[in-house]
Each structure stands twice: as structure tokens, then as C-alpha cells.
Full PDB file with SEQRES, HELIX, SHEET, SSBOND, CRYST1, ORIGX, SCALE, CONECT and MASTER records, all heavy atoms in Angstrom:
SEQRES   1 A   39  CYS ASN SER ARG ARG ALA ARG GLY ALA VAL ARG VAL SER          
SEQRES   2 A   39  LEU GLY ARG GLY ASN ASP PRO ALA GLN VAL ALA ALA ALA          
SEQRES   3 A   39  ALA GLN ALA LEU ILE GLY ALA TRP ASN LEU LEU ALA LYS          
HELIX    1 AA1 SER A    3  ARG A    7  1                                   5    
HELIX    2 AA2 PRO A   20  ALA A   38  1                                  19    
CRYST1    1.000    1.000    1.000  90.00  90.00  90.00 P 1           1          
ORIGX1      1.000000  0.000000  0.000000        0.00000                         
ORIGX2      0.000000  1.000000  0.000000        0.00000                         
ORIGX3      0.000000  0.000000  1.000000        0.00000                         
SCALE1      1.000000  0.000000  0.000000        0.00000                         
SCALE2      0.000000  1.000000  0.000000        0.00000                         
SCALE3      0.000000  0.000000  1.000000        0.00000                         
ATOM      1  N   CYS A   1       0.026  32.347  13.263  1.00  0.00           N  
ATOM      2  CA  CYS A   1       0.134  31.763  11.895  1.00  0.00           C  
ATOM      3  C   CYS A   1       0.309  32.980  10.924  1.00  0.00           C  
ATOM      4  O   CYS A   1      -0.398  33.936  11.016  1.00  0.00           O  
ATOM      5  CB  CYS A   1      -1.130  31.012  11.483  1.00  0.00           C  
ATOM      6  SG  CYS A   1      -1.462  29.548  12.426  1.00  0.00           S  
ATOM      7  N   ASN A   2       1.267  32.826   9.934  1.00  0.00           N  
ATOM      8  CA  ASN A   2       1.394  33.908   8.971  1.00  0.00           C  
ATOM      9  C   ASN A   2       0.298  33.785   7.951  1.00  0.00           C  
ATOM     10  O   ASN A   2      -0.529  32.873   7.963  1.00  0.00           O  
ATOM     11  CB  ASN A   2       2.750  33.800   8.270  1.00  0.00           C  
ATOM     12  CG  ASN A   2       2.987  32.468   7.567  1.00  0.00           C  
ATOM     13  OD1 ASN A   2       2.074  31.837   7.032  1.00  0.00           O  
ATOM     14  ND2 ASN A   2       4.260  31.999   7.550  1.00  0.00           N  
ATOM     15  N   SER A   3       0.180  34.783   7.074  1.00  0.00           N  
ATOM     16  CA  SER A   3      -1.001  34.867   6.176  1.00  0.00           C  
ATOM     17  C   SER A   3      -1.015  33.677   5.211  1.00  0.00           C  
ATOM     18  O   SER A   3      -2.114  33.183   4.900  1.00  0.00           O  
ATOM     19  CB  SER A   3      -0.934  36.182   5.362  1.00  0.00           C  
ATOM     20  OG  SER A   3       0.272  36.284   4.623  1.00  0.00           O  
ATOM     21  N   ARG A   4       0.132  33.171   4.789  1.00  0.00           N  
ATOM     22  CA  ARG A   4       0.155  32.030   3.880  1.00  0.00           C  
ATOM     23  C   ARG A   4      -0.420  30.802   4.552  1.00  0.00           C  
ATOM     24  O   ARG A   4      -1.259  30.069   3.945  1.00  0.00           O  
ATOM     25  CB  ARG A   4       1.561  31.788   3.375  1.00  0.00           C  
ATOM     26  CG  ARG A   4       1.648  30.637   2.363  1.00  0.00           C  
ATOM     27  CD  ARG A   4       3.140  30.427   1.952  1.00  0.00           C  
ATOM     28  NE  ARG A   4       3.633  31.579   1.281  1.00  0.00           N  
ATOM     29  CZ  ARG A   4       3.574  31.764  -0.061  1.00  0.00           C  
ATOM     30  NH1 ARG A   4       2.983  30.825  -0.792  1.00  0.00           N  
ATOM     31  NH2 ARG A   4       4.069  32.796  -0.619  1.00  0.00           N  
ATOM     32  N   ARG A   5       0.012  30.549   5.759  1.00  0.00           N  
ATOM     33  CA  ARG A   5      -0.497  29.360   6.490  1.00  0.00           C  
ATOM     34  C   ARG A   5      -1.931  29.487   6.784  1.00  0.00           C  
ATOM     35  O   ARG A   5      -2.729  28.567   6.635  1.00  0.00           O  
ATOM     36  CB  ARG A   5       0.295  29.176   7.784  1.00  0.00           C  
ATOM     37  CG  ARG A   5      -0.153  28.033   8.647  1.00  0.00           C  
ATOM     38  CD  ARG A   5       0.810  27.778   9.805  1.00  0.00           C  
ATOM     39  NE  ARG A   5       0.259  26.709  10.660  1.00  0.00           N  
ATOM     40  CZ  ARG A   5       0.980  26.249  11.719  1.00  0.00           C  
ATOM     41  NH1 ARG A   5       2.196  26.709  12.009  1.00  0.00           N  
ATOM     42  NH2 ARG A   5       0.431  25.316  12.509  1.00  0.00           N  
ATOM     43  N   ALA A   6      -2.374  30.727   7.228  1.00  0.00           N  
ATOM     44  CA  ALA A   6      -3.778  30.898   7.550  1.00  0.00           C  
ATOM     45  C   ALA A   6      -4.664  30.797   6.303  1.00  0.00           C  
ATOM     46  O   ALA A   6      -5.781  30.246   6.356  1.00  0.00           O  
ATOM     47  CB  ALA A   6      -3.967  32.267   8.180  1.00  0.00           C  
ATOM     48  N   ARG A   7      -4.147  31.231   5.162  1.00  0.00           N  
ATOM     49  CA  ARG A   7      -4.928  31.187   3.942  1.00  0.00           C  
ATOM     50  C   ARG A   7      -5.149  29.745   3.490  1.00  0.00           C  
ATOM     51  O   ARG A   7      -6.147  29.459   2.895  1.00  0.00           O  
ATOM     52  CB  ARG A   7      -4.178  31.966   2.865  1.00  0.00           C  
ATOM     53  CG  ARG A   7      -4.843  32.024   1.503  1.00  0.00           C  
ATOM     54  CD  ARG A   7      -4.138  32.978   0.585  1.00  0.00           C  
ATOM     55  NE  ARG A   7      -4.718  32.916  -0.779  1.00  0.00           N  
ATOM     56  CZ  ARG A   7      -4.305  32.118  -1.751  1.00  0.00           C  
ATOM     57  NH1 ARG A   7      -3.289  31.252  -1.526  1.00  0.00           N  
ATOM     58  NH2 ARG A   7      -4.842  32.140  -2.941  1.00  0.00           N  
ATOM     59  N   GLY A   8      -4.257  28.850   3.839  1.00  0.00           N  
ATOM     60  CA  GLY A   8      -4.367  27.432   3.414  1.00  0.00           C  
ATOM     61  C   GLY A   8      -5.137  26.614   4.397  1.00  0.00           C  
ATOM     62  O   GLY A   8      -5.176  25.356   4.254  1.00  0.00           O  
ATOM     63  N   ALA A   9      -5.758  27.220   5.425  1.00  0.00           N  
ATOM     64  CA  ALA A   9      -6.401  26.448   6.483  1.00  0.00           C  
ATOM     65  C   ALA A   9      -7.759  25.890   6.079  1.00  0.00           C  
ATOM     66  O   ALA A   9      -8.562  26.557   5.376  1.00  0.00           O  
ATOM     67  CB  ALA A   9      -6.547  27.289   7.731  1.00  0.00           C  
ATOM     68  N   VAL A  10      -8.030  24.707   6.502  1.00  0.00           N  
ATOM     69  CA  VAL A  10      -9.382  24.024   6.322  1.00  0.00           C  
ATOM     70  C   VAL A  10      -9.703  23.431   7.675  1.00  0.00           C  
ATOM     71  O   VAL A  10      -8.873  22.769   8.306  1.00  0.00           O  
ATOM     72  CB  VAL A  10      -9.317  22.969   5.243  1.00  0.00           C  
ATOM     73  CG1 VAL A  10     -10.583  22.130   5.251  1.00  0.00           C  
ATOM     74  CG2 VAL A  10      -9.140  23.640   3.842  1.00  0.00           C  
ATOM     75  N   ARG A  11     -10.976  23.627   8.062  1.00  0.00           N  
ATOM     76  CA  ARG A  11     -11.471  22.935   9.299  1.00  0.00           C  
ATOM     77  C   ARG A  11     -12.423  21.816   8.929  1.00  0.00           C  
ATOM     78  O   ARG A  11     -13.417  22.042   8.241  1.00  0.00           O  
ATOM     79  CB  ARG A  11     -12.208  23.937  10.179  1.00  0.00           C  
ATOM     80  CG  ARG A  11     -12.698  23.293  11.483  1.00  0.00           C  
ATOM     81  CD  ARG A  11     -13.604  24.212  12.263  1.00  0.00           C  
ATOM     82  NE  ARG A  11     -14.921  24.386  11.618  1.00  0.00           N  
ATOM     83  CZ  ARG A  11     -15.938  25.139  12.100  1.00  0.00           C  
ATOM     84  NH1 ARG A  11     -15.758  25.816  13.172  1.00  0.00           N  
ATOM     85  NH2 ARG A  11     -17.058  25.230  11.455  1.00  0.00           N  
ATOM     86  N   VAL A  12     -12.050  20.613   9.409  1.00  0.00           N  
ATOM     87  CA  VAL A  12     -12.942  19.470   9.262  1.00  0.00           C  
ATOM     88  C   VAL A  12     -13.432  19.119  10.684  1.00  0.00           C  
ATOM     89  O   VAL A  12     -12.624  18.994  11.597  1.00  0.00           O  
ATOM     90  CB  VAL A  12     -12.172  18.259   8.712  1.00  0.00           C  
ATOM     91  CG1 VAL A  12     -13.036  16.972   8.745  1.00  0.00           C  
ATOM     92  CG2 VAL A  12     -11.752  18.518   7.271  1.00  0.00           C  
ATOM     93  N   SER A  13     -14.743  19.072  10.855  1.00  0.00           N  
ATOM     94  CA  SER A  13     -15.320  18.697  12.158  1.00  0.00           C  
ATOM     95  C   SER A  13     -16.333  17.585  11.927  1.00  0.00           C  
ATOM     96  O   SER A  13     -17.262  17.754  11.128  1.00  0.00           O  
ATOM     97  CB  SER A  13     -15.911  19.943  12.811  1.00  0.00           C  
ATOM     98  OG  SER A  13     -16.760  20.668  11.984  1.00  0.00           O  
ATOM     99  N   LEU A  14     -16.089  16.502  12.605  1.00  0.00           N  
ATOM    100  CA  LEU A  14     -16.860  15.245  12.448  1.00  0.00           C  
ATOM    101  C   LEU A  14     -18.008  15.145  13.438  1.00  0.00           C  
ATOM    102  O   LEU A  14     -17.998  15.780  14.451  1.00  0.00           O  
ATOM    103  CB  LEU A  14     -15.922  14.057  12.560  1.00  0.00           C  
ATOM    104  CG  LEU A  14     -14.726  14.063  11.547  1.00  0.00           C  
ATOM    105  CD1 LEU A  14     -13.564  13.309  12.112  1.00  0.00           C  
ATOM    106  CD2 LEU A  14     -15.169  13.450  10.223  1.00  0.00           C  
ATOM    107  N   GLY A  15     -18.939  14.239  13.109  1.00  0.00           N  
ATOM    108  CA  GLY A  15     -20.069  14.068  13.991  1.00  0.00           C  
ATOM    109  C   GLY A  15     -20.716  12.694  13.857  1.00  0.00           C  
ATOM    110  O   GLY A  15     -20.192  11.762  13.228  1.00  0.00           O  
ATOM    111  N   ARG A  16     -21.936  12.545  14.424  1.00  0.00           N  
ATOM    112  CA  ARG A  16     -22.601  11.262  14.502  1.00  0.00           C  
ATOM    113  C   ARG A  16     -22.857  10.617  13.146  1.00  0.00           C  
ATOM    114  O   ARG A  16     -22.949   9.402  13.063  1.00  0.00           O  
ATOM    115  CB  ARG A  16     -23.969  11.418  15.218  1.00  0.00           C  
ATOM    116  CG  ARG A  16     -23.885  11.818  16.662  1.00  0.00           C  
ATOM    117  CD  ARG A  16     -25.310  11.919  17.234  1.00  0.00           C  
ATOM    118  NE  ARG A  16     -25.937  10.624  17.495  1.00  0.00           N  
ATOM    119  CZ  ARG A  16     -27.211  10.423  17.590  1.00  0.00           C  
ATOM    120  NH1 ARG A  16     -28.047  11.374  17.370  1.00  0.00           N  
ATOM    121  NH2 ARG A  16     -27.695   9.205  17.865  1.00  0.00           N  
ATOM    122  N   GLY A  17     -22.962  11.444  12.104  1.00  0.00           N  
ATOM    123  CA  GLY A  17     -23.325  10.892  10.833  1.00  0.00           C  
ATOM    124  C   GLY A  17     -22.163  10.374  10.006  1.00  0.00           C  
ATOM    125  O   GLY A  17     -22.344   9.845   8.904  1.00  0.00           O  
ATOM    126  N   ASN A  18     -20.960  10.510  10.471  1.00  0.00           N  
ATOM    127  CA  ASN A  18     -19.771  10.097   9.760  1.00  0.00           C  
ATOM    128  C   ASN A  18     -19.366   8.672  10.021  1.00  0.00           C  
ATOM    129  O   ASN A  18     -19.633   8.171  11.093  1.00  0.00           O  
ATOM    130  CB  ASN A  18     -18.628  11.061   9.990  1.00  0.00           C  
ATOM    131  CG  ASN A  18     -18.856  12.465   9.560  1.00  0.00           C  
ATOM    132  OD1 ASN A  18     -18.608  13.406  10.318  1.00  0.00           O  
ATOM    133  ND2 ASN A  18     -19.324  12.676   8.340  1.00  0.00           N  
ATOM    134  N   ASP A  19     -18.704   8.042   9.047  1.00  0.00           N  
ATOM    135  CA  ASP A  19     -18.251   6.654   9.193  1.00  0.00           C  
ATOM    136  C   ASP A  19     -16.915   6.503   8.493  1.00  0.00           C  
ATOM    137  O   ASP A  19     -16.451   7.407   7.764  1.00  0.00           O  
ATOM    138  CB  ASP A  19     -19.327   5.659   8.655  1.00  0.00           C  
ATOM    139  CG  ASP A  19     -19.659   5.902   7.194  1.00  0.00           C  
ATOM    140  OD1 ASP A  19     -18.783   6.293   6.416  1.00  0.00           O  
ATOM    141  OD2 ASP A  19     -20.833   5.658   6.811  1.00  0.00           O  
ATOM    142  N   PRO A  20     -16.253   5.361   8.641  1.00  0.00           N  
ATOM    143  CA  PRO A  20     -14.943   5.164   8.018  1.00  0.00           C  
ATOM    144  C   PRO A  20     -14.941   5.330   6.517  1.00  0.00           C  
ATOM    145  O   PRO A  20     -13.966   5.886   5.931  1.00  0.00           O  
ATOM    146  CB  PRO A  20     -14.565   3.733   8.431  1.00  0.00           C  
ATOM    147  CG  PRO A  20     -15.273   3.559   9.738  1.00  0.00           C  
ATOM    148  CD  PRO A  20     -16.529   4.225   9.603  1.00  0.00           C  
ATOM    149  N   ALA A  21     -15.983   4.895   5.838  1.00  0.00           N  
ATOM    150  CA  ALA A  21     -16.047   4.996   4.380  1.00  0.00           C  
ATOM    151  C   ALA A  21     -16.069   6.469   3.957  1.00  0.00           C  
ATOM    152  O   ALA A  21     -15.389   6.902   3.005  1.00  0.00           O  
ATOM    153  CB  ALA A  21     -17.224   4.298   3.837  1.00  0.00           C  
ATOM    154  N   GLN A  22     -16.787   7.333   4.722  1.00  0.00           N  
ATOM    155  CA  GLN A  22     -16.811   8.722   4.368  1.00  0.00           C  
ATOM    156  C   GLN A  22     -15.481   9.375   4.612  1.00  0.00           C  
ATOM    157  O   GLN A  22     -15.035  10.260   3.853  1.00  0.00           O  
ATOM    158  CB  GLN A  22     -17.922   9.431   5.198  1.00  0.00           C  
ATOM    159  CG  GLN A  22     -19.328   9.095   4.821  1.00  0.00           C  
ATOM    160  CD  GLN A  22     -20.330   9.784   5.655  1.00  0.00           C  
ATOM    161  OE1 GLN A  22     -20.046  10.244   6.776  1.00  0.00           O  
ATOM    162  NE2 GLN A  22     -21.524  10.018   5.131  1.00  0.00           N  
ATOM    163  N   VAL A  23     -14.825   9.025   5.688  1.00  0.00           N  
ATOM    164  CA  VAL A  23     -13.490   9.580   5.996  1.00  0.00           C  
ATOM    165  C   VAL A  23     -12.498   9.173   4.896  1.00  0.00           C  
ATOM    166  O   VAL A  23     -11.708  10.015   4.479  1.00  0.00           O  
ATOM    167  CB  VAL A  23     -13.043   9.100   7.398  1.00  0.00           C  
ATOM    168  CG1 VAL A  23     -11.528   9.326   7.584  1.00  0.00           C  
ATOM    169  CG2 VAL A  23     -13.826   9.807   8.457  1.00  0.00           C  
ATOM    170  N   ALA A  24     -12.540   7.989   4.424  1.00  0.00           N  
ATOM    171  CA  ALA A  24     -11.637   7.552   3.346  1.00  0.00           C  
ATOM    172  C   ALA A  24     -11.914   8.355   2.060  1.00  0.00           C  
ATOM    173  O   ALA A  24     -11.023   8.766   1.365  1.00  0.00           O  
ATOM    174  CB  ALA A  24     -11.824   6.028   3.103  1.00  0.00           C  
ATOM    175  N   ALA A  25     -13.196   8.542   1.796  1.00  0.00           N  
ATOM    176  CA  ALA A  25     -13.578   9.356   0.578  1.00  0.00           C  
ATOM    177  C   ALA A  25     -13.156  10.767   0.723  1.00  0.00           C  
ATOM    178  O   ALA A  25     -12.686  11.391  -0.237  1.00  0.00           O  
ATOM    179  CB  ALA A  25     -15.085   9.242   0.368  1.00  0.00           C  
ATOM    180  N   ALA A  26     -13.264  11.337   1.951  1.00  0.00           N  
ATOM    181  CA  ALA A  26     -12.852  12.700   2.157  1.00  0.00           C  
ATOM    182  C   ALA A  26     -11.348  12.858   2.020  1.00  0.00           C  
ATOM    183  O   ALA A  26     -10.888  13.821   1.373  1.00  0.00           O  
ATOM    184  CB  ALA A  26     -13.275  13.172   3.584  1.00  0.00           C  
ATOM    185  N   ALA A  27     -10.571  11.903   2.554  1.00  0.00           N  
ATOM    186  CA  ALA A  27      -9.132  11.973   2.348  1.00  0.00           C  
ATOM    187  C   ALA A  27      -8.774  11.914   0.887  1.00  0.00           C  
ATOM    188  O   ALA A  27      -7.895  12.686   0.436  1.00  0.00           O  
ATOM    189  CB  ALA A  27      -8.508  10.831   3.141  1.00  0.00           C  
ATOM    190  N   GLN A  28      -9.347  11.055   0.149  1.00  0.00           N  
ATOM    191  CA  GLN A  28      -9.049  10.876  -1.277  1.00  0.00           C  
ATOM    192  C   GLN A  28      -9.384  12.190  -2.023  1.00  0.00           C  
ATOM    193  O   GLN A  28      -8.603  12.622  -2.865  1.00  0.00           O  
ATOM    194  CB  GLN A  28      -9.852   9.687  -1.875  1.00  0.00           C  
ATOM    195  CG  GLN A  28      -9.605   9.467  -3.325  1.00  0.00           C  
ATOM    196  CD  GLN A  28     -10.322   8.227  -3.834  1.00  0.00           C  
ATOM    197  OE1 GLN A  28     -11.184   7.684  -3.158  1.00  0.00           O  
ATOM    198  NE2 GLN A  28     -10.005   7.778  -5.046  1.00  0.00           N  
ATOM    199  N   ALA A  29     -10.537  12.792  -1.700  1.00  0.00           N  
ATOM    200  CA  ALA A  29     -10.939  14.014  -2.358  1.00  0.00           C  
ATOM    201  C   ALA A  29      -9.979  15.157  -2.076  1.00  0.00           C  
ATOM    202  O   ALA A  29      -9.566  15.943  -2.971  1.00  0.00           O  
ATOM    203  CB  ALA A  29     -12.361  14.388  -1.958  1.00  0.00           C  
ATOM    204  N   LEU A  30      -9.623  15.319  -0.808  1.00  0.00           N  
ATOM    205  CA  LEU A  30      -8.716  16.419  -0.417  1.00  0.00           C  
ATOM    206  C   LEU A  30      -7.306  16.238  -0.974  1.00  0.00           C  
ATOM    207  O   LEU A  30      -6.694  17.214  -1.477  1.00  0.00           O  
ATOM    208  CB  LEU A  30      -8.635  16.541   1.125  1.00  0.00           C  
ATOM    209  CG  LEU A  30      -9.894  17.050   1.831  1.00  0.00           C  
ATOM    210  CD1 LEU A  30      -9.850  16.766   3.302  1.00  0.00           C  
ATOM    211  CD2 LEU A  30     -10.074  18.530   1.507  1.00  0.00           C  
ATOM    212  N   ILE A  31      -6.859  15.035  -0.971  1.00  0.00           N  
ATOM    213  CA  ILE A  31      -5.498  14.765  -1.567  1.00  0.00           C  
ATOM    214  C   ILE A  31      -5.497  15.019  -3.056  1.00  0.00           C  
ATOM    215  O   ILE A  31      -4.640  15.674  -3.586  1.00  0.00           O  
ATOM    216  CB  ILE A  31      -5.070  13.289  -1.261  1.00  0.00           C  
ATOM    217  CG1 ILE A  31      -4.825  13.154   0.244  1.00  0.00           C  
ATOM    218  CG2 ILE A  31      -3.829  12.923  -2.034  1.00  0.00           C  
ATOM    219  CD1 ILE A  31      -4.706  11.683   0.690  1.00  0.00           C  
ATOM    220  N   GLY A  32      -6.546  14.553  -3.746  1.00  0.00           N  
ATOM    221  CA  GLY A  32      -6.618  14.759  -5.181  1.00  0.00           C  
ATOM    222  C   GLY A  32      -6.720  16.260  -5.526  1.00  0.00           C  
ATOM    223  O   GLY A  32      -6.075  16.744  -6.463  1.00  0.00           O  
ATOM    224  N   ALA A  33      -7.544  16.989  -4.800  1.00  0.00           N  
ATOM    225  CA  ALA A  33      -7.680  18.419  -5.064  1.00  0.00           C  
ATOM    226  C   ALA A  33      -6.387  19.188  -4.768  1.00  0.00           C  
ATOM    227  O   ALA A  33      -6.013  20.081  -5.542  1.00  0.00           O  
ATOM    228  CB  ALA A  33      -8.844  18.975  -4.182  1.00  0.00           C  
ATOM    229  N   TRP A  34      -5.724  18.799  -3.703  1.00  0.00           N  
ATOM    230  CA  TRP A  34      -4.464  19.487  -3.368  1.00  0.00           C  
ATOM    231  C   TRP A  34      -3.429  19.206  -4.445  1.00  0.00           C  
ATOM    232  O   TRP A  34      -2.721  20.104  -4.857  1.00  0.00           O  
ATOM    233  CB  TRP A  34      -3.935  19.028  -2.002  1.00  0.00           C  
ATOM    234  CG  TRP A  34      -2.620  19.660  -1.667  1.00  0.00           C  
ATOM    235  CD1 TRP A  34      -2.451  20.953  -1.177  1.00  0.00           C  
ATOM    236  CD2 TRP A  34      -1.316  19.157  -1.882  1.00  0.00           C  
ATOM    237  NE1 TRP A  34      -1.116  21.220  -1.022  1.00  0.00           N  
ATOM    238  CE2 TRP A  34      -0.393  20.148  -1.434  1.00  0.00           C  
ATOM    239  CE3 TRP A  34      -0.816  17.935  -2.375  1.00  0.00           C  
ATOM    240  CZ2 TRP A  34       0.990  19.951  -1.513  1.00  0.00           C  
ATOM    241  CZ3 TRP A  34       0.543  17.752  -2.442  1.00  0.00           C  
ATOM    242  CH2 TRP A  34       1.442  18.738  -2.044  1.00  0.00           C  
ATOM    243  N   ASN A  35      -3.327  17.964  -4.894  1.00  0.00           N  
ATOM    244  CA  ASN A  35      -2.312  17.635  -5.933  1.00  0.00           C  
ATOM    245  C   ASN A  35      -2.607  18.484  -7.220  1.00  0.00           C  
ATOM    246  O   ASN A  35      -1.662  18.995  -7.850  1.00  0.00           O  
ATOM    247  CB  ASN A  35      -2.399  16.148  -6.304  1.00  0.00           C  
ATOM    248  CG  ASN A  35      -1.604  15.319  -5.283  1.00  0.00           C  
ATOM    249  OD1 ASN A  35      -0.577  15.719  -4.767  1.00  0.00           O  
ATOM    250  ND2 ASN A  35      -2.131  14.127  -4.924  1.00  0.00           N  
ATOM    251  N   LEU A  36      -3.898  18.623  -7.564  1.00  0.00           N  
ATOM    252  CA  LEU A  36      -4.254  19.371  -8.750  1.00  0.00           C  
ATOM    253  C   LEU A  36      -3.925  20.857  -8.563  1.00  0.00           C  
ATOM    254  O   LEU A  36      -3.328  21.459  -9.473  1.00  0.00           O  
ATOM    255  CB  LEU A  36      -5.754  19.162  -9.028  1.00  0.00           C  
ATOM    256  CG  LEU A  36      -6.313  19.864 -10.278  1.00  0.00           C  
ATOM    257  CD1 LEU A  36      -5.704  19.283 -11.520  1.00  0.00           C  
ATOM    258  CD2 LEU A  36      -7.812  19.694 -10.297  1.00  0.00           C  
ATOM    259  N   LEU A  37      -4.320  21.399  -7.464  1.00  0.00           N  
ATOM    260  CA  LEU A  37      -4.088  22.826  -7.223  1.00  0.00           C  
ATOM    261  C   LEU A  37      -2.589  23.156  -7.040  1.00  0.00           C  
ATOM    262  O   LEU A  37      -2.096  24.198  -7.554  1.00  0.00           O  
ATOM    263  CB  LEU A  37      -4.891  23.337  -6.007  1.00  0.00           C  
ATOM    264  CG  LEU A  37      -6.382  23.367  -6.159  1.00  0.00           C  
ATOM    265  CD1 LEU A  37      -7.077  23.646  -4.832  1.00  0.00           C  
ATOM    266  CD2 LEU A  37      -6.829  24.359  -7.231  1.00  0.00           C  
ATOM    267  N   ALA A  38      -1.916  22.352  -6.314  1.00  0.00           N  
ATOM    268  CA  ALA A  38      -0.439  22.601  -6.082  1.00  0.00           C  
ATOM    269  C   ALA A  38       0.306  22.467  -7.355  1.00  0.00           C  
ATOM    270  O   ALA A  38       1.238  23.291  -7.590  1.00  0.00           O  
ATOM    271  CB  ALA A  38       0.066  21.599  -5.024  1.00  0.00           C  
ATOM    272  N   LYS A  39      -0.049  21.561  -8.215  1.00  0.00           N  
ATOM    273  CA  LYS A  39       0.606  21.406  -9.495  1.00  0.00           C  
ATOM    274  C   LYS A  39       0.393  22.645 -10.348  1.00  0.00           C  
ATOM    275  O   LYS A  39       1.293  23.194 -10.967  1.00  0.00           O  
ATOM    276  CB  LYS A  39       0.075  20.152 -10.243  1.00  0.00           C  
ATOM    277  CG  LYS A  39       0.771  19.909 -11.577  1.00  0.00           C  
ATOM    278  CD  LYS A  39       0.204  18.651 -12.219  1.00  0.00           C  
ATOM    279  CE  LYS A  39       0.871  18.438 -13.580  1.00  0.00           C  
ATOM    280  NZ  LYS A  39       0.375  17.219 -14.265  1.00  0.00           N  
TER     281      LYS A  39                                                      
MASTER        0    0    0    2    0    0    0    6  280    1    0    3          
END                                                                             
């Protein structure tokens, strides 16, 4: 990976405490934050 790709990396690791509602909320949060930062 080049430095730009590595700099943009995020690791999500799931476990016993996660559920579909949390995953939906996480997706919404990451998408919203990316749109704001990329803009």
C-alpha cells in the first residue's frame, strides 16, 4: 500500500456485543464523516 492508501485505513473488528442496528449506525456515521471530510 502506498502512503496515501495506508493513511486512509481504518480497521473495524466486530464481536459478541454488536448487532445489526449498531452496524447500520456505524455505516451511517462513517459515510457522513467521509462526505464531510472529503468535501
